Amino acid sequence: MAFYFDDTVRDFIAQHQNPMMRNFMRNVSFYGDWPSHLALGLVLLGVAWRRQSKKWMRIFLSMLVAMAIAGVAGTVIKRTIPRARPSVKSELRWGGPRFSTKYHAFPSGHVAASTAFFGVLIFARRRVGLVCLPIPILIGFSRMYLGAHYLSDVVCAAVLGIICAAAVWRFFCSQWPITDS
């Protein structure tokens, strides 16, 4: 379904570009990448450890694990499906297109990692998760705005992130039940 709208959404975004918004989206995209999430997760894990909150330590650890799994799964899919980014013009030459990261758009790694990371909160603490929900949505939009991904790259990455978050959360809950202590 998202494939049907890929070109329409890309064209709409391309017609509504402006320098200030582009700069903002670059920052969103930069801070929406996995190293920022890793740093945030480690800081939060450290705070929870310092406060001796086993509940939040488990939540933050599961966020980091979900993000890592989504990252690995996304990378495997990217290597399997070499889809060109929307910003890439046809670069066909004798022997086919050149191999580069320009051809690894599906799924969006930024969105998969962010959705998995914050998605755990939806399962663990619904209200906190809902407050954080705009973050992966904004990251996904930034990736489309910058011409790095199509709508389908972002939607499939979000689904991948949700699946990873749900699986990790279910595993953590089955192995180490979370209480309110």
C-alpha atoms as a PDB file:
ATOM      1  CA  MET A   1       0.000   0.000   0.000  1.00  0.00           C
ATOM      2  CA  ALA A   2       2.754   2.461   0.882  1.00  0.00           C
ATOM      3  CA  PHE A   3       4.509   1.711  -2.437  1.00  0.00           C
ATOM      4  CA  TYR A   4       1.498   3.188  -4.231  1.00  0.00           C
ATOM      5  CA  PHE A   5       1.990   6.534  -2.489  1.00  0.00           C
ATOM      6  CA  ASP A   6       5.803   6.674  -2.613  1.00  0.00           C
ATOM      7  CA  ASP A   7       6.116   8.969  -5.625  1.00  0.00           C
ATOM      8  CA  THR A   8       3.142  11.129  -4.638  1.00  0.00           C
ATOM      9  CA  VAL A   9       4.530  11.770  -1.150  1.00  0.00           C
ATOM     10  CA  ARG A  10       8.051  12.340  -2.488  1.00  0.00           C
ATOM     11  CA  ASP A  11       6.779  14.847  -5.055  1.00  0.00           C
ATOM     12  CA  PHE A  12       4.629  16.668  -2.495  1.00  0.00           C
ATOM     13  CA  ILE A  13       7.546  17.006  -0.076  1.00  0.00           C
ATOM     14  CA  ALA A  14       9.871  18.138  -2.890  1.00  0.00           C
ATOM     15  CA  GLN A  15       7.424  20.925  -3.809  1.00  0.00           C
ATOM     16  CA  HIS A  16       7.300  22.198  -0.226  1.00  0.00           C
ATOM     17  CA  GLN A  17      10.988  22.476   0.636  1.00  0.00           C
ATOM     18  CA  ASN A  18      12.530  25.493   2.328  1.00  0.00           C
ATOM     19  CA  PRO A  19      16.038  26.057   3.723  1.00  0.00           C
ATOM     20  CA  MET A  20      14.999  26.581   7.339  1.00  0.00           C
ATOM     21  CA  MET A  21      12.908  23.416   7.445  1.00  0.00           C
ATOM     22  CA  ARG A  22      15.633  21.470   5.646  1.00  0.00           C
ATOM     23  CA  ASN A  23      18.168  22.510   8.285  1.00  0.00           C
ATOM     24  CA  PHE A  24      15.758  21.512  11.062  1.00  0.00           C
ATOM     25  CA  MET A  25      15.162  18.120   9.416  1.00  0.00           C
ATOM     26  CA  ARG A  26      18.918  17.554   9.096  1.00  0.00           C
ATOM     27  CA  ASN A  27      19.220  18.024  12.856  1.00  0.00           C
ATOM     28  CA  VAL A  28      16.262  15.722  13.535  1.00  0.00           C
ATOM     29  CA  SER A  29      17.817  13.104  11.282  1.00  0.00           C
ATOM     30  CA  PHE A  30      21.245  13.497  12.892  1.00  0.00           C
ATOM     31  CA  TYR A  31      19.918  13.129  16.438  1.00  0.00           C
ATOM     32  CA  GLY A  32      17.505  10.439  15.289  1.00  0.00           C
ATOM     33  CA  ASP A  33      20.284   8.037  14.370  1.00  0.00           C
ATOM     34  CA  TRP A  34      21.189   5.098  16.602  1.00  0.00           C
ATOM     35  CA  PRO A  35      24.276   6.627  18.307  1.00  0.00           C
ATOM     36  CA  SER A  36      22.083   9.302  19.905  1.00  0.00           C
ATOM     37  CA  HIS A  37      19.593   6.676  21.029  1.00  0.00           C
ATOM     38  CA  LEU A  38      22.420   4.535  22.390  1.00  0.00           C
ATOM     39  CA  ALA A  39      23.818   7.466  24.367  1.00  0.00           C
ATOM     40  CA  LEU A  40      20.365   8.348  25.727  1.00  0.00           C
ATOM     41  CA  GLY A  41      19.661   4.716  26.627  1.00  0.00           C
ATOM     42  CA  LEU A  42      22.971   4.321  28.444  1.00  0.00           C
ATOM     43  CA  VAL A  43      22.454   7.559  30.380  1.00  0.00           C
ATOM     44  CA  LEU A  44      18.924   6.507  31.365  1.00  0.00           C
ATOM     45  CA  LEU A  45      20.164   3.040  32.305  1.00  0.00           C
ATOM     46  CA  GLY A  46      22.857   4.635  34.467  1.00  0.00           C
ATOM     47  CA  VAL A  47      20.314   6.888  36.188  1.00  0.00           C
ATOM     48  CA  ALA A  48      18.025   3.915  36.856  1.00  0.00           C
ATOM     49  CA  TRP A  49      20.969   1.891  38.187  1.00  0.00           C
ATOM     50  CA  ARG A  50      22.033   4.776  40.425  1.00  0.00           C
ATOM     51  CA  ARG A  51      18.499   5.039  41.793  1.00  0.00           C
ATOM     52  CA  GLN A  52      18.357   1.248  42.128  1.00  0.00           C
ATOM     53  CA  SER A  53      15.147   1.038  40.097  1.00  0.00           C
ATOM     54  CA  LYS A  54      15.078  -2.517  38.774  1.00  0.00           C
ATOM     55  CA  LYS A  55      11.875  -1.779  36.877  1.00  0.00           C
ATOM     56  CA  TRP A  56      13.397   1.094  34.874  1.00  0.00           C
ATOM     57  CA  MET A  57      16.723  -0.703  34.457  1.00  0.00           C
ATOM     58  CA  ARG A  58      14.849  -3.537  32.734  1.00  0.00           C
ATOM     59  CA  ILE A  59      12.854  -1.112  30.622  1.00  0.00           C
ATOM     60  CA  PHE A  60      15.912   0.862  29.472  1.00  0.00           C
ATOM     61  CA  LEU A  61      17.923  -2.297  28.854  1.00  0.00           C
ATOM     62  CA  SER A  62      15.083  -3.746  26.780  1.00  0.00           C
ATOM     63  CA  MET A  63      14.950  -0.476  24.796  1.00  0.00           C
ATOM     64  CA  LEU A  64      18.642  -0.840  23.947  1.00  0.00           C
ATOM     65  CA  VAL A  65      18.286  -4.518  23.039  1.00  0.00           C
ATOM     66  CA  ALA A  66      15.242  -3.851  20.838  1.00  0.00           C
ATOM     67  CA  MET A  67      17.115  -1.072  19.052  1.00  0.00           C
ATOM     68  CA  ALA A  68      20.132  -3.338  18.464  1.00  0.00           C
ATOM     69  CA  ILE A  69      17.985  -6.156  17.081  1.00  0.00           C
ATOM     70  CA  ALA A  70      16.094  -3.749  14.805  1.00  0.00           C
ATOM     71  CA  GLY A  71      19.422  -2.371  13.603  1.00  0.00           C
ATOM     72  CA  VAL A  72      20.811  -5.796  12.757  1.00  0.00           C
ATOM     73  CA  ALA A  73      17.562  -6.933  11.112  1.00  0.00           C
ATOM     74  CA  GLY A  74      17.343  -3.691   9.135  1.00  0.00           C
ATOM     75  CA  THR A  75      20.932  -4.023   7.937  1.00  0.00           C
ATOM     76  CA  VAL A  76      20.313  -7.600   6.772  1.00  0.00           C
ATOM     77  CA  ILE A  77      17.223  -6.472   4.868  1.00  0.00           C
ATOM     78  CA  LYS A  78      19.111  -3.500   3.363  1.00  0.00           C
ATOM     79  CA  ARG A  79      21.840  -5.822   2.090  1.00  0.00           C
ATOM     80  CA  THR A  80      19.215  -8.174   0.655  1.00  0.00           C
ATOM     81  CA  ILE A  81      17.048  -5.518  -1.016  1.00  0.00           C
ATOM     82  CA  PRO A  82      19.301  -2.883  -2.599  1.00  0.00           C
ATOM     83  CA  ARG A  83      16.652  -0.204  -3.157  1.00  0.00           C
ATOM     84  CA  ALA A  84      17.848   3.193  -4.367  1.00  0.00           C
ATOM     85  CA  ARG A  85      17.103   6.269  -2.318  1.00  0.00           C
ATOM     86  CA  PRO A  86      14.664   8.823  -3.772  1.00  0.00           C
ATOM     87  CA  SER A  87      17.471  11.376  -4.150  1.00  0.00           C
ATOM     88  CA  VAL A  88      19.482   9.046  -6.402  1.00  0.00           C
ATOM     89  CA  LYS A  89      19.241   9.732 -10.104  1.00  0.00           C
ATOM     90  CA  SER A  90      19.616   6.826 -12.464  1.00  0.00           C
ATOM     91  CA  GLU A  91      23.267   5.843 -12.407  1.00  0.00           C
ATOM     92  CA  LEU A  92      23.093   2.932 -14.801  1.00  0.00           C
ATOM     93  CA  ARG A  93      26.261   2.173 -16.660  1.00  0.00           C
ATOM     94  CA  TRP A  94      27.780  -0.842 -18.338  1.00  0.00           C
ATOM     95  CA  GLY A  95      27.499  -3.646 -15.773  1.00  0.00           C
ATOM     96  CA  GLY A  96      24.520  -2.165 -13.935  1.00  0.00           C
ATOM     97  CA  PRO A  97      24.233   0.452 -11.219  1.00  0.00           C
ATOM     98  CA  ARG A  98      27.207   1.275  -9.022  1.00  0.00           C
ATOM     99  CA  PHE A  99      27.222  -0.343  -5.585  1.00  0.00           C
ATOM    100  CA  SER A 100      27.065   2.180  -2.779  1.00  0.00           C
ATOM    101  CA  THR A 101      25.051   3.110   0.290  1.00  0.00           C
ATOM    102  CA  LYS A 102      22.811   5.091  -2.051  1.00  0.00           C
ATOM    103  CA  TYR A 103      21.207   1.746  -2.816  1.00  0.00           C
ATOM    104  CA  HIS A 104      20.387   0.775   0.756  1.00  0.00           C
ATOM    105  CA  ALA A 105      17.207   2.703   1.482  1.00  0.00           C
ATOM    106  CA  PHE A 106      14.878  -0.129   2.457  1.00  0.00           C
ATOM    107  CA  PRO A 107      14.054  -0.102   5.334  1.00  0.00           C
ATOM    108  CA  SER A 108      15.042   3.136   7.069  1.00  0.00           C
ATOM    109  CA  GLY A 109      17.584   2.313   9.764  1.00  0.00           C
ATOM    110  CA  HIS A 110      16.859   5.558  11.593  1.00  0.00           C
ATOM    111  CA  VAL A 111      13.149   4.755  11.836  1.00  0.00           C
ATOM    112  CA  ALA A 112      13.601   1.064  12.698  1.00  0.00           C
ATOM    113  CA  ALA A 113      16.006   1.900  15.538  1.00  0.00           C
ATOM    114  CA  SER A 114      13.936   4.793  16.847  1.00  0.00           C
ATOM    115  CA  THR A 115      10.643   2.891  16.695  1.00  0.00           C
ATOM    116  CA  ALA A 116      12.144  -0.132  18.434  1.00  0.00           C
ATOM    117  CA  PHE A 117      13.790   2.051  21.084  1.00  0.00           C
ATOM    118  CA  PHE A 118      10.739   4.150  21.946  1.00  0.00           C
ATOM    119  CA  GLY A 119       8.307   1.359  21.057  1.00  0.00           C
ATOM    120  CA  VAL A 120       9.327  -0.591  24.139  1.00  0.00           C
ATOM    121  CA  LEU A 121       7.930   2.277  26.200  1.00  0.00           C
ATOM    122  CA  ILE A 122       4.525   1.813  24.562  1.00  0.00           C
ATOM    123  CA  PHE A 123       4.452  -1.740  25.923  1.00  0.00           C
ATOM    124  CA  ALA A 124       6.129  -0.975  29.253  1.00  0.00           C
ATOM    125  CA  ARG A 125       4.563   2.341  30.252  1.00  0.00           C
ATOM    126  CA  ARG A 126       1.832   3.319  27.820  1.00  0.00           C
ATOM    127  CA  ARG A 127       1.558   7.006  28.824  1.00  0.00           C
ATOM    128  CA  VAL A 128       5.296   7.606  28.611  1.00  0.00           C
ATOM    129  CA  GLY A 129       5.392   5.717  25.327  1.00  0.00           C
ATOM    130  CA  LEU A 130       2.592   7.801  23.846  1.00  0.00           C
ATOM    131  CA  VAL A 131       4.407  10.986  24.836  1.00  0.00           C
ATOM    132  CA  CYS A 132       7.512   9.681  23.018  1.00  0.00           C
ATOM    133  CA  LEU A 133       5.571   8.459  19.959  1.00  0.00           C
ATOM    134  CA  PRO A 134       6.074  11.700  17.973  1.00  0.00           C
ATOM    135  CA  ILE A 135       9.852  11.184  18.054  1.00  0.00           C
ATOM    136  CA  PRO A 136      10.057   8.242  15.606  1.00  0.00           C
ATOM    137  CA  ILE A 137       7.284   9.818  13.517  1.00  0.00           C
ATOM    138  CA  LEU A 138       9.285  13.053  13.206  1.00  0.00           C
ATOM    139  CA  ILE A 139      12.442  11.090  12.425  1.00  0.00           C
ATOM    140  CA  GLY A 140      10.600   9.212   9.674  1.00  0.00           C
ATOM    141  CA  PHE A 141       9.299  12.443   8.193  1.00  0.00           C
ATOM    142  CA  SER A 142      12.791  13.964   8.331  1.00  0.00           C
ATOM    143  CA  ARG A 143      14.192  11.045   6.353  1.00  0.00           C
ATOM    144  CA  MET A 144      11.538  11.522   3.660  1.00  0.00           C
ATOM    145  CA  TYR A 145      11.989  15.313   3.678  1.00  0.00           C
ATOM    146  CA  LEU A 146      15.727  14.943   3.100  1.00  0.00           C
ATOM    147  CA  GLY A 147      15.175  12.549   0.193  1.00  0.00           C
ATOM    148  CA  ALA A 148      16.814   9.642   1.991  1.00  0.00           C
ATOM    149  CA  HIS A 149      13.722   7.410   2.029  1.00  0.00           C
ATOM    150  CA  TYR A 150      10.373   6.759   0.452  1.00  0.00           C
ATOM    151  CA  LEU A 151       7.199   6.452   2.509  1.00  0.00           C
ATOM    152  CA  SER A 152       7.322   2.651   2.169  1.00  0.00           C
ATOM    153  CA  ASP A 153      10.887   2.575   3.568  1.00  0.00           C
ATOM    154  CA  VAL A 154       9.659   4.469   6.625  1.00  0.00           C
ATOM    155  CA  VAL A 155       6.436   2.473   7.108  1.00  0.00           C
ATOM    156  CA  CYS A 156       8.191  -0.902   6.798  1.00  0.00           C
ATOM    157  CA  ALA A 157      10.934   0.263   9.168  1.00  0.00           C
ATOM    158  CA  ALA A 158       8.302   1.315  11.712  1.00  0.00           C
ATOM    159  CA  VAL A 159       6.673  -2.117  11.457  1.00  0.00           C
ATOM    160  CA  LEU A 160      10.083  -3.760  11.914  1.00  0.00           C
ATOM    161  CA  GLY A 161      10.747  -1.568  14.955  1.00  0.00           C
ATOM    162  CA  ILE A 162       7.376  -2.397  16.511  1.00  0.00           C
ATOM    163  CA  ILE A 163       7.924  -6.122  15.964  1.00  0.00           C
ATOM    164  CA  CYS A 164      11.373  -5.921  17.587  1.00  0.00           C
ATOM    165  CA  ALA A 165      10.053  -3.855  20.506  1.00  0.00           C
ATOM    166  CA  ALA A 166       7.167  -6.258  21.101  1.00  0.00           C
ATOM    167  CA  ALA A 167       9.365  -9.360  20.862  1.00  0.00           C
ATOM    168  CA  VAL A 168      12.037  -7.984  23.189  1.00  0.00           C
ATOM    169  CA  TRP A 169       9.488  -6.694  25.682  1.00  0.00           C
ATOM    170  CA  ARG A 170       7.669 -10.039  25.694  1.00  0.00           C
ATOM    171  CA  PHE A 171      10.963 -11.877  26.210  1.00  0.00           C
ATOM    172  CA  PHE A 172      12.073  -9.567  29.030  1.00  0.00           C
ATOM    173  CA  CYS A 173       8.689  -9.875  30.748  1.00  0.00           C
ATOM    174  CA  SER A 174       8.726 -13.659  30.503  1.00  0.00           C
ATOM    175  CA  GLN A 175      12.284 -13.932  31.848  1.00  0.00           C
ATOM    176  CA  TRP A 176      12.269 -11.112  34.394  1.00  0.00           C
ATOM    177  CA  PRO A 177       8.750  -9.995  35.298  1.00  0.00           C
ATOM    178  CA  ILE A 178       8.587  -6.287  35.974  1.00  0.00           C
ATOM    179  CA  THR A 179       7.026  -5.190  39.201  1.00  0.00           C
ATOM    180  CA  ASP A 180       6.381  -1.659  40.390  1.00  0.00           C
ATOM    181  CA  SER A 181       9.382  -1.761  42.732  1.00  0.00           C
END
